[in-house]
Amino acid sequence: MADFTVSLSELRRLKKKLEDSEKQLEEALRRMLETGPKNLGKRSLDKACEDFHDDWEHGLKETKKRLKTLNEALPAIIKAYEETEDGIQEGFKKAGGKK
């Protein structure tokens, strides 16, 4: 039988890392707007840079949306695991005759 455990401290660390990642993505998007493709001289190269910029920006925005969703959901997930853990501990206390 598989062992399933959840570390609440790891979930809290994950939430912090995701929050930091969201801030870093925001900074990357801001910097991309500031830089943009430059006139490199050859139109095909400029076009390739513009296309890359657009694709990269789109990818960062999509990643940021998913991070935001995770960041919004994690507090409820952590709370549910905490309540489950508390319930299990309380059940063991009652089963052992301790109150």
PDB file of N, CA and C in Angstrom:
ATOM      1  N   MET A   1       0.846  -1.175   0.000  1.00  0.00           N
ATOM      2  CA  MET A   1       0.000   0.000   0.000  1.00  0.00           C
ATOM      3  C   MET A   1       0.895   1.243   0.000  1.00  0.00           C
ATOM      4  N   ALA A   2       0.512   2.233  -0.783  1.00  0.00           N
ATOM      5  CA  ALA A   2       1.294   3.459  -0.901  1.00  0.00           C
ATOM      6  C   ALA A   2       1.147   4.321   0.348  1.00  0.00           C
ATOM      7  N   ASP A   3       2.227   4.960   0.698  1.00  0.00           N
ATOM      8  CA  ASP A   3       2.231   5.876   1.835  1.00  0.00           C
ATOM      9  C   ASP A   3       1.944   7.276   1.305  1.00  0.00           C
ATOM     10  N   PHE A   4       0.991   7.939   1.902  1.00  0.00           N
ATOM     11  CA  PHE A   4       0.637   9.289   1.473  1.00  0.00           C
ATOM     12  C   PHE A   4       0.765  10.221   2.661  1.00  0.00           C
ATOM     13  N   THR A   5       1.687  11.152   2.548  1.00  0.00           N
ATOM     14  CA  THR A   5       1.839  12.152   3.602  1.00  0.00           C
ATOM     15  C   THR A   5       1.925  13.534   2.963  1.00  0.00           C
ATOM     16  N   VAL A   6       1.496  14.508   3.709  1.00  0.00           N
ATOM     17  CA  VAL A   6       1.571  15.892   3.265  1.00  0.00           C
ATOM     18  C   VAL A   6       2.269  16.683   4.357  1.00  0.00           C
ATOM     19  N   SER A   7       3.292  17.394   3.960  1.00  0.00           N
ATOM     20  CA  SER A   7       4.014  18.238   4.901  1.00  0.00           C
ATOM     21  C   SER A   7       3.431  19.648   4.820  1.00  0.00           C
ATOM     22  N   LEU A   8       2.798  20.075   5.897  1.00  0.00           N
ATOM     23  CA  LEU A   8       2.215  21.415   5.912  1.00  0.00           C
ATOM     24  C   LEU A   8       3.295  22.482   5.790  1.00  0.00           C
ATOM     25  N   SER A   9       4.447  22.239   6.391  1.00  0.00           N
ATOM     26  CA  SER A   9       5.521  23.233   6.271  1.00  0.00           C
ATOM     27  C   SER A   9       5.999  23.331   4.822  1.00  0.00           C
ATOM     28  N   GLU A  10       6.030  22.211   4.107  1.00  0.00           N
ATOM     29  CA  GLU A  10       6.406  22.238   2.689  1.00  0.00           C
ATOM     30  C   GLU A  10       5.348  22.961   1.862  1.00  0.00           C
ATOM     31  N   LEU A  11       4.084  22.768   2.179  1.00  0.00           N
ATOM     32  CA  LEU A  11       3.021  23.492   1.470  1.00  0.00           C
ATOM     33  C   LEU A  11       3.151  24.997   1.695  1.00  0.00           C
ATOM     34  N   ARG A  12       3.482  25.383   2.919  1.00  0.00           N
ATOM     35  CA  ARG A  12       3.660  26.808   3.215  1.00  0.00           C
ATOM     36  C   ARG A  12       4.869  27.369   2.459  1.00  0.00           C
ATOM     37  N   ARG A  13       5.953  26.587   2.398  1.00  0.00           N
ATOM     38  CA  ARG A  13       7.135  27.003   1.634  1.00  0.00           C
ATOM     39  C   ARG A  13       6.800  27.119   0.145  1.00  0.00           C
ATOM     40  N   LEU A  14       6.015  26.175  -0.365  1.00  0.00           N
ATOM     41  CA  LEU A  14       5.594  26.221  -1.761  1.00  0.00           C
ATOM     42  C   LEU A  14       4.806  27.495  -2.033  1.00  0.00           C
ATOM     43  N   LYS A  15       3.910  27.846  -1.136  1.00  0.00           N
ATOM     44  CA  LYS A  15       3.126  29.070  -1.311  1.00  0.00           C
ATOM     45  C   LYS A  15       4.040  30.283  -1.392  1.00  0.00           C
ATOM     46  N   LYS A  16       5.026  30.360  -0.516  1.00  0.00           N
ATOM     47  CA  LYS A  16       5.970  31.488  -0.524  1.00  0.00           C
ATOM     48  C   LYS A  16       6.747  31.515  -1.840  1.00  0.00           C
ATOM     49  N   LYS A  17       7.209  30.360  -2.300  1.00  0.00           N
ATOM     50  CA  LYS A  17       7.960  30.307  -3.557  1.00  0.00           C
ATOM     51  C   LYS A  17       7.094  30.737  -4.737  1.00  0.00           C
ATOM     52  N   LEU A  18       5.834  30.317  -4.737  1.00  0.00           N
ATOM     53  CA  LEU A  18       4.938  30.700  -5.818  1.00  0.00           C
ATOM     54  C   LEU A  18       4.659  32.200  -5.794  1.00  0.00           C
ATOM     55  N   GLU A  19       4.523  32.759  -4.600  1.00  0.00           N
ATOM     56  CA  GLU A  19       4.325  34.206  -4.493  1.00  0.00           C
ATOM     57  C   GLU A  19       5.552  34.939  -5.033  1.00  0.00           C
ATOM     58  N   ASP A  20       6.742  34.454  -4.675  1.00  0.00           N
ATOM     59  CA  ASP A  20       7.974  35.059  -5.174  1.00  0.00           C
ATOM     60  C   ASP A  20       8.065  34.921  -6.694  1.00  0.00           C
ATOM     61  N   SER A  21       7.673  33.765  -7.215  1.00  0.00           N
ATOM     62  CA  SER A  21       7.712  33.538  -8.662  1.00  0.00           C
ATOM     63  C   SER A  21       6.777  34.491  -9.387  1.00  0.00           C
ATOM     64  N   GLU A  22       5.617  34.719  -8.809  1.00  0.00           N
ATOM     65  CA  GLU A  22       4.664  35.637  -9.429  1.00  0.00           C
ATOM     66  C   GLU A  22       5.265  37.042  -9.511  1.00  0.00           C
ATOM     67  N   LYS A  23       5.946  37.466  -8.456  1.00  0.00           N
ATOM     68  CA  LYS A  23       6.593  38.791  -8.457  1.00  0.00           C
ATOM     69  C   LYS A  23       7.707  38.842  -9.498  1.00  0.00           C
ATOM     70  N   GLN A  24       8.484  37.769  -9.610  1.00  0.00           N
ATOM     71  CA  GLN A  24       9.573  37.731 -10.579  1.00  0.00           C
ATOM     72  C   GLN A  24       9.040  37.762 -12.011  1.00  0.00           C
ATOM     73  N   LEU A  25       7.939  37.078 -12.268  1.00  0.00           N
ATOM     74  CA  LEU A  25       7.334  37.122 -13.600  1.00  0.00           C
ATOM     75  C   LEU A  25       6.835  38.523 -13.922  1.00  0.00           C
ATOM     76  N   GLU A  26       6.253  39.161 -12.939  1.00  0.00           N
ATOM     77  CA  GLU A  26       5.776  40.536 -13.134  1.00  0.00           C
ATOM     78  C   GLU A  26       6.946  41.442 -13.518  1.00  0.00           C
ATOM     79  N   GLU A  27       8.064  41.274 -12.842  1.00  0.00           N
ATOM     80  CA  GLU A  27       9.265  42.057 -13.148  1.00  0.00           C
ATOM     81  C   GLU A  27       9.775  41.739 -14.550  1.00  0.00           C
ATOM     82  N   ALA A  28       9.773  40.472 -14.928  1.00  0.00           N
ATOM     83  CA  ALA A  28      10.230  40.080 -16.274  1.00  0.00           C
ATOM     84  C   ALA A  28       9.337  40.704 -17.340  1.00  0.00           C
ATOM     85  N   LEU A  29       8.033  40.681 -17.119  1.00  0.00           N
ATOM     86  CA  LEU A  29       7.116  41.291 -18.083  1.00  0.00           C
ATOM     87  C   LEU A  29       7.354  42.800 -18.186  1.00  0.00           C
ATOM     88  N   ARG A  30       7.583  43.441 -17.066  1.00  0.00           N
ATOM     89  CA  ARG A  30       7.841  44.884 -17.062  1.00  0.00           C
ATOM     90  C   ARG A  30       9.106  45.193 -17.855  1.00  0.00           C
ATOM     91  N   ARG A  31      10.141  44.396 -17.627  1.00  0.00           N
ATOM     92  CA  ARG A  31      11.401  44.633 -18.333  1.00  0.00           C
ATOM     93  C   ARG A  31      11.273  44.371 -19.828  1.00  0.00           C
ATOM     94  N   MET A  32      10.468  43.373 -20.193  1.00  0.00           N
ATOM     95  CA  MET A  32      10.286  43.094 -21.615  1.00  0.00           C
ATOM     96  C   MET A  32       9.631  44.276 -22.317  1.00  0.00           C
ATOM     97  N   LEU A  33       8.689  44.915 -21.647  1.00  0.00           N
ATOM     98  CA  LEU A  33       8.040  46.081 -22.238  1.00  0.00           C
ATOM     99  C   LEU A  33       9.029  47.220 -22.448  1.00  0.00           C
ATOM    100  N   GLU A  34       9.982  47.330 -21.523  1.00  0.00           N
ATOM    101  CA  GLU A  34      10.977  48.396 -21.609  1.00  0.00           C
ATOM    102  C   GLU A  34      11.982  48.159 -22.733  1.00  0.00           C
ATOM    103  N   THR A  35      12.319  46.898 -22.983  1.00  0.00           N
ATOM    104  CA  THR A  35      13.374  46.623 -23.953  1.00  0.00           C
ATOM    105  C   THR A  35      12.822  46.475 -25.360  1.00  0.00           C
ATOM    106  N   GLY A  36      12.001  45.477 -25.590  1.00  0.00           N
ATOM    107  CA  GLY A  36      11.440  45.250 -26.912  1.00  0.00           C
ATOM    108  C   GLY A  36      12.511  45.001 -27.957  1.00  0.00           C
ATOM    109  N   PRO A  37      12.098  44.572 -29.141  1.00  0.00           N
ATOM    110  CA  PRO A  37      13.070  44.339 -30.204  1.00  0.00           C
ATOM    111  C   PRO A  37      13.669  45.665 -30.674  1.00  0.00           C
ATOM    112  N   LYS A  38      14.916  45.639 -30.976  1.00  0.00           N
ATOM    113  CA  LYS A  38      15.610  46.822 -31.480  1.00  0.00           C
ATOM    114  C   LYS A  38      15.772  46.673 -32.985  1.00  0.00           C
ATOM    115  N   ASN A  39      16.031  47.765 -33.633  1.00  0.00           N
ATOM    116  CA  ASN A  39      16.309  47.703 -35.068  1.00  0.00           C
ATOM    117  C   ASN A  39      17.710  47.160 -35.260  1.00  0.00           C
ATOM    118  N   LEU A  40      17.781  45.909 -35.617  1.00  0.00           N
ATOM    119  CA  LEU A  40      19.065  45.244 -35.768  1.00  0.00           C
ATOM    120  C   LEU A  40      19.618  45.384 -37.190  1.00  0.00           C
ATOM    121  N   GLY A  41      18.846  45.997 -38.051  1.00  0.00           N
ATOM    122  CA  GLY A  41      19.351  46.247 -39.392  1.00  0.00           C
ATOM    123  C   GLY A  41      18.693  45.400 -40.460  1.00  0.00           C
ATOM    124  N   LYS A  42      18.520  44.149 -40.198  1.00  0.00           N
ATOM    125  CA  LYS A  42      17.934  43.256 -41.190  1.00  0.00           C
ATOM    126  C   LYS A  42      16.492  42.987 -40.782  1.00  0.00           C
ATOM    127  N   ARG A  43      15.567  43.237 -41.683  1.00  0.00           N
ATOM    128  CA  ARG A  43      14.135  43.113 -41.360  1.00  0.00           C
ATOM    129  C   ARG A  43      13.773  41.716 -40.887  1.00  0.00           C
ATOM    130  N   SER A  44      14.337  40.679 -41.502  1.00  0.00           N
ATOM    131  CA  SER A  44      14.001  39.311 -41.088  1.00  0.00           C
ATOM    132  C   SER A  44      14.447  39.058 -39.645  1.00  0.00           C
ATOM    133  N   LEU A  45      15.575  39.626 -39.253  1.00  0.00           N
ATOM    134  CA  LEU A  45      16.049  39.472 -37.873  1.00  0.00           C
ATOM    135  C   LEU A  45      15.164  40.264 -36.918  1.00  0.00           C
ATOM    136  N   ASP A  46      14.796  41.476 -37.301  1.00  0.00           N
ATOM    137  CA  ASP A  46      13.876  42.275 -36.477  1.00  0.00           C
ATOM    138  C   ASP A  46      12.555  41.540 -36.288  1.00  0.00           C
ATOM    139  N   LYS A  47      12.027  40.960 -37.371  1.00  0.00           N
ATOM    140  CA  LYS A  47      10.761  40.224 -37.310  1.00  0.00           C
ATOM    141  C   LYS A  47      10.885  39.015 -36.380  1.00  0.00           C
ATOM    142  N   ALA A  48      12.000  38.287 -36.481  1.00  0.00           N
ATOM    143  CA  ALA A  48      12.218  37.122 -35.616  1.00  0.00           C
ATOM    144  C   ALA A  48      12.262  37.555 -34.156  1.00  0.00           C
ATOM    145  N   CYS A  49      12.911  38.677 -33.897  1.00  0.00           N
ATOM    146  CA  CYS A  49      12.968  39.193 -32.512  1.00  0.00           C
ATOM    147  C   CYS A  49      11.578  39.590 -32.016  1.00  0.00           C
ATOM    148  N   GLU A  50      10.802  40.233 -32.878  1.00  0.00           N
ATOM    149  CA  GLU A  50       9.442  40.623 -32.493  1.00  0.00           C
ATOM    150  C   GLU A  50       8.585  39.392 -32.197  1.00  0.00           C
ATOM    151  N   ASP A  51       8.696  38.381 -33.064  1.00  0.00           N
ATOM    152  CA  ASP A  51       7.926  37.147 -32.859  1.00  0.00           C
ATOM    153  C   ASP A  51       8.327  36.467 -31.551  1.00  0.00           C
ATOM    154  N   PHE A  52       9.637  36.386 -31.307  1.00  0.00           N
ATOM    155  CA  PHE A  52      10.114  35.777 -30.066  1.00  0.00           C
ATOM    156  C   PHE A  52       9.582  36.552 -28.873  1.00  0.00           C
ATOM    157  N   HIS A  53       9.662  37.870 -28.935  1.00  0.00           N
ATOM    158  CA  HIS A  53       9.188  38.730 -27.851  1.00  0.00           C
ATOM    159  C   HIS A  53       7.711  38.467 -27.579  1.00  0.00           C
ATOM    160  N   ASP A  54       6.907  38.415 -28.647  1.00  0.00           N
ATOM    161  CA  ASP A  54       5.470  38.184 -28.486  1.00  0.00           C
ATOM    162  C   ASP A  54       5.188  36.816 -27.868  1.00  0.00           C
ATOM    163  N   ASP A  55       5.879  35.784 -28.369  1.00  0.00           N
ATOM    164  CA  ASP A  55       5.684  34.429 -27.827  1.00  0.00           C
ATOM    165  C   ASP A  55       6.106  34.354 -26.369  1.00  0.00           C
ATOM    166  N   TRP A  56       7.246  34.926 -26.054  1.00  0.00           N
ATOM    167  CA  TRP A  56       7.774  34.888 -24.691  1.00  0.00           C
ATOM    168  C   TRP A  56       6.849  35.652 -23.747  1.00  0.00           C
ATOM    169  N   GLU A  57       6.395  36.809 -24.194  1.00  0.00           N
ATOM    170  CA  GLU A  57       5.491  37.605 -23.361  1.00  0.00           C
ATOM    171  C   GLU A  57       4.187  36.845 -23.115  1.00  0.00           C
ATOM    172  N   HIS A  58       3.659  36.224 -24.150  1.00  0.00           N
ATOM    173  CA  HIS A  58       2.428  35.440 -24.004  1.00  0.00           C
ATOM    174  C   HIS A  58       2.650  34.299 -23.006  1.00  0.00           C
ATOM    175  N   GLY A  59       3.773  33.593 -23.131  1.00  0.00           N
ATOM    176  CA  GLY A  59       4.082  32.496 -22.220  1.00  0.00           C
ATOM    177  C   GLY A  59       4.200  32.962 -20.775  1.00  0.00           C
ATOM    178  N   LEU A  60       4.844  34.098 -20.570  1.00  0.00           N
ATOM    179  CA  LEU A  60       4.980  34.641 -19.214  1.00  0.00           C
ATOM    180  C   LEU A  60       3.622  35.023 -18.634  1.00  0.00           C
ATOM    181  N   LYS A  61       2.773  35.603 -19.463  1.00  0.00           N
ATOM    182  CA  LYS A  61       1.443  35.985 -18.981  1.00  0.00           C
ATOM    183  C   LYS A  61       0.613  34.754 -18.618  1.00  0.00           C
ATOM    184  N   GLU A  62       0.702  33.707 -19.424  1.00  0.00           N
ATOM    185  CA  GLU A  62      -0.032  32.473 -19.130  1.00  0.00           C
ATOM    186  C   GLU A  62       0.506  31.821 -17.848  1.00  0.00           C
ATOM    187  N   THR A  63       1.818  31.806 -17.707  1.00  0.00           N
ATOM    188  CA  THR A  63       2.428  31.244 -16.490  1.00  0.00           C
ATOM    189  C   THR A  63       1.993  32.046 -15.271  1.00  0.00           C
ATOM    190  N   LYS A  64       1.972  33.359 -15.404  1.00  0.00           N
ATOM    191  CA  LYS A  64       1.562  34.224 -14.294  1.00  0.00           C
ATOM    192  C   LYS A  64       0.110  33.932 -13.893  1.00  0.00           C
ATOM    193  N   LYS A  65      -0.774  33.723 -14.878  1.00  0.00           N
ATOM    194  CA  LYS A  65      -2.179  33.402 -14.574  1.00  0.00           C
ATOM    195  C   LYS A  65      -2.270  32.102 -13.768  1.00  0.00           C
ATOM    196  N   ARG A  66      -1.504  31.103 -14.168  1.00  0.00           N
ATOM    197  CA  ARG A  66      -1.544  29.816 -13.471  1.00  0.00           C
ATOM    198  C   ARG A  66      -0.955  29.921 -12.062  1.00  0.00           C
ATOM    199  N   LEU A  67       0.102  30.705 -11.917  1.00  0.00           N
ATOM    200  CA  LEU A  67       0.660  30.939 -10.587  1.00  0.00           C
ATOM    201  C   LEU A  67      -0.352  31.649  -9.692  1.00  0.00           C
ATOM    202  N   LYS A  68      -1.051  32.604 -10.255  1.00  0.00           N
ATOM    203  CA  LYS A  68      -2.069  33.333  -9.485  1.00  0.00           C
ATOM    204  C   LYS A  68      -3.156  32.370  -9.012  1.00  0.00           C
ATOM    205  N   THR A  69      -3.592  31.479  -9.894  1.00  0.00           N
ATOM    206  CA  THR A  69      -4.614  30.493  -9.527  1.00  0.00           C
ATOM    207  C   THR A  69      -4.116  29.608  -8.384  1.00  0.00           C
ATOM    208  N   LEU A  70      -2.877  29.137  -8.503  1.00  0.00           N
ATOM    209  CA  LEU A  70      -2.306  28.307  -7.434  1.00  0.00           C
ATOM    210  C   LEU A  70      -2.183  29.094  -6.132  1.00  0.00           C
ATOM    211  N   ASN A  71      -1.718  30.326  -6.227  1.00  0.00           N
ATOM    212  CA  ASN A  71      -1.566  31.155  -5.025  1.00  0.00           C
ATOM    213  C   ASN A  71      -2.902  31.406  -4.342  1.00  0.00           C
ATOM    214  N   GLU A  72      -3.952  31.539  -5.128  1.00  0.00           N
ATOM    215  CA  GLU A  72      -5.273  31.759  -4.538  1.00  0.00           C
ATOM    216  C   GLU A  72      -5.826  30.484  -3.910  1.00  0.00           C
ATOM    217  N   ALA A  73      -5.479  29.323  -4.466  1.00  0.00           N
ATOM    218  CA  ALA A  73      -6.024  28.050  -3.974  1.00  0.00           C
ATOM    219  C   ALA A  73      -5.248  27.492  -2.783  1.00  0.00           C
ATOM    220  N   LEU A  74      -3.962  27.761  -2.703  1.00  0.00           N
ATOM    221  CA  LEU A  74      -3.144  27.148  -1.657  1.00  0.00           C
ATOM    222  C   LEU A  74      -3.605  27.419  -0.230  1.00  0.00           C
ATOM    223  N   PRO A  75      -4.041  28.620   0.132  1.00  0.00           N
ATOM    224  CA  PRO A  75      -4.499  28.809   1.514  1.00  0.00           C
ATOM    225  C   PRO A  75      -5.632  27.851   1.893  1.00  0.00           C
ATOM    226  N   ALA A  76      -6.584  27.633   0.995  1.00  0.00           N
ATOM    227  CA  ALA A  76      -7.687  26.709   1.286  1.00  0.00           C
ATOM    228  C   ALA A  76      -7.182  25.270   1.371  1.00  0.00           C
ATOM    229  N   ILE A  77      -6.235  24.927   0.519  1.00  0.00           N
ATOM    230  CA  ILE A  77      -5.652  23.581   0.555  1.00  0.00           C
ATOM    231  C   ILE A  77      -4.932  23.354   1.878  1.00  0.00           C
ATOM    232  N   ILE A  78      -4.118  24.325   2.268  1.00  0.00           N
ATOM    233  CA  ILE A  78      -3.382  24.212   3.535  1.00  0.00           C
ATOM    234  C   ILE A  78      -4.354  24.100   4.700  1.00  0.00           C
ATOM    235  N   LYS A  79      -5.382  24.931   4.697  1.00  0.00           N
ATOM    236  CA  LYS A  79      -6.375  24.896   5.782  1.00  0.00           C
ATOM    237  C   LYS A  79      -7.060  23.534   5.842  1.00  0.00           C
ATOM    238  N   ALA A  80      -7.418  22.984   4.689  1.00  0.00           N
ATOM    239  CA  ALA A  80      -8.086  21.674   4.659  1.00  0.00           C
ATOM    240  C   ALA A  80      -7.173  20.586   5.232  1.00  0.00           C
ATOM    241  N   TYR A  81      -5.905  20.621   4.865  1.00  0.00           N
ATOM    242  CA  TYR A  81      -4.970  19.623   5.413  1.00  0.00           C
ATOM    243  C   TYR A  81      -4.777  19.818   6.920  1.00  0.00           C
ATOM    244  N   GLU A  82      -4.713  21.077   7.365  1.00  0.00           N
ATOM    245  CA  GLU A  82      -4.588  21.336   8.799  1.00  0.00           C
ATOM    246  C   GLU A  82      -5.792  20.788   9.555  1.00  0.00           C
ATOM    247  N   GLU A  83      -6.986  21.042   9.029  1.00  0.00           N
ATOM    248  CA  GLU A  83      -8.204  20.556   9.682  1.00  0.00           C
ATOM    249  C   GLU A  83      -8.254  19.031   9.683  1.00  0.00           C
ATOM    250  N   THR A  84      -7.821  18.431   8.593  1.00  0.00           N
ATOM    251  CA  THR A  84      -7.782  16.962   8.523  1.00  0.00           C
ATOM    252  C   THR A  84      -6.794  16.409   9.544  1.00  0.00           C
ATOM    253  N   GLU A  85      -5.636  17.017   9.610  1.00  0.00           N
ATOM    254  CA  GLU A  85      -4.614  16.590  10.568  1.00  0.00           C
ATOM    255  C   GLU A  85      -5.130  16.730  12.000  1.00  0.00           C
ATOM    256  N   ASP A  86      -5.765  17.844  12.294  1.00  0.00           N
ATOM    257  CA  ASP A  86      -6.332  18.053  13.632  1.00  0.00           C
ATOM    258  C   ASP A  86      -7.406  17.008  13.929  1.00  0.00           C
ATOM    259  N   GLY A  87      -8.251  16.722  12.938  1.00  0.00           N
ATOM    260  CA  GLY A  87      -9.303  15.721  13.119  1.00  0.00           C
ATOM    261  C   GLY A  87      -8.746  14.332  13.378  1.00  0.00           C
ATOM    262  N   ILE A  88      -7.695  13.990  12.667  1.00  0.00           N
ATOM    263  CA  ILE A  88      -7.052  12.680  12.868  1.00  0.00           C
ATOM    264  C   ILE A  88      -6.464  12.598  14.274  1.00  0.00           C
ATOM    265  N   GLN A  89      -5.774  13.635  14.682  1.00  0.00           N
ATOM    266  CA  GLN A  89      -5.184  13.642  16.022  1.00  0.00           C
ATOM    267  C   GLN A  89      -6.261  13.549  17.094  1.00  0.00           C
ATOM    268  N   GLU A  90      -7.348  14.278  16.900  1.00  0.00           N
ATOM    269  CA  GLU A  90      -8.454  14.231  17.862  1.00  0.00           C
ATOM    270  C   GLU A  90      -9.062  12.833  17.907  1.00  0.00           C
ATOM    271  N   GLY A  91      -9.191  12.209  16.738  1.00  0.00           N
ATOM    272  CA  GLY A  91      -9.715  10.844  16.673  1.00  0.00           C
ATOM    273  C   GLY A  91      -8.835   9.864  17.415  1.00  0.00           C
ATOM    274  N   PHE A  92      -7.527   9.991  17.293  1.00  0.00           N
ATOM    275  CA  PHE A  92      -6.606   9.125  17.997  1.00  0.00           C
ATOM    276  C   PHE A  92      -6.707   9.348  19.517  1.00  0.00           C
ATOM    277  N   LYS A  93      -6.853  10.598  19.919  1.00  0.00           N
ATOM    278  CA  LYS A  93      -7.000  10.880  21.339  1.00  0.00           C
ATOM    279  C   LYS A  93      -8.248  10.210  21.913  1.00  0.00           C
ATOM    280  N   LYS A  94      -9.348  10.336  21.181  1.00  0.00           N
ATOM    281  CA  LYS A  94     -10.607   9.716  21.643  1.00  0.00           C
ATOM    282  C   LYS A  94     -10.506   8.205  21.645  1.00  0.00           C
ATOM    283  N   ALA A  95      -9.872   7.655  20.618  1.00  0.00           N
ATOM    284  CA  ALA A  95      -9.754   6.193  20.546  1.00  0.00           C
ATOM    285  C   ALA A  95      -8.864   5.655  21.664  1.00  0.00           C
ATOM    286  N   GLY A  96      -7.906   6.463  22.050  1.00  0.00           N
ATOM    287  CA  GLY A  96      -7.005   6.056  23.130  1.00  0.00           C
ATOM    288  C   GLY A  96      -7.536   6.371  24.506  1.00  0.00           C
ATOM    289  N   GLY A  97      -8.709   6.967  24.563  1.00  0.00           N
ATOM    290  CA  GLY A  97      -9.318   7.283  25.847  1.00  0.00           C
ATOM    291  C   GLY A  97      -8.865   8.599  26.430  1.00  0.00           C
ATOM    292  N   LYS A  98      -8.041   9.379  25.694  1.00  0.00           N
ATOM    293  CA  LYS A  98      -7.582  10.661  26.206  1.00  0.00           C
ATOM    294  C   LYS A  98      -8.510  11.756  25.707  1.00  0.00           C
ATOM    295  N   LYS A  99      -8.783  12.707  26.577  1.00  0.00           N
ATOM    296  CA  LYS A  99      -9.650  13.837  26.185  1.00  0.00           C
ATOM    297  C   LYS A  99      -8.952  15.134  26.431  1.00  0.00           C
TER     298      LYS A  99
END
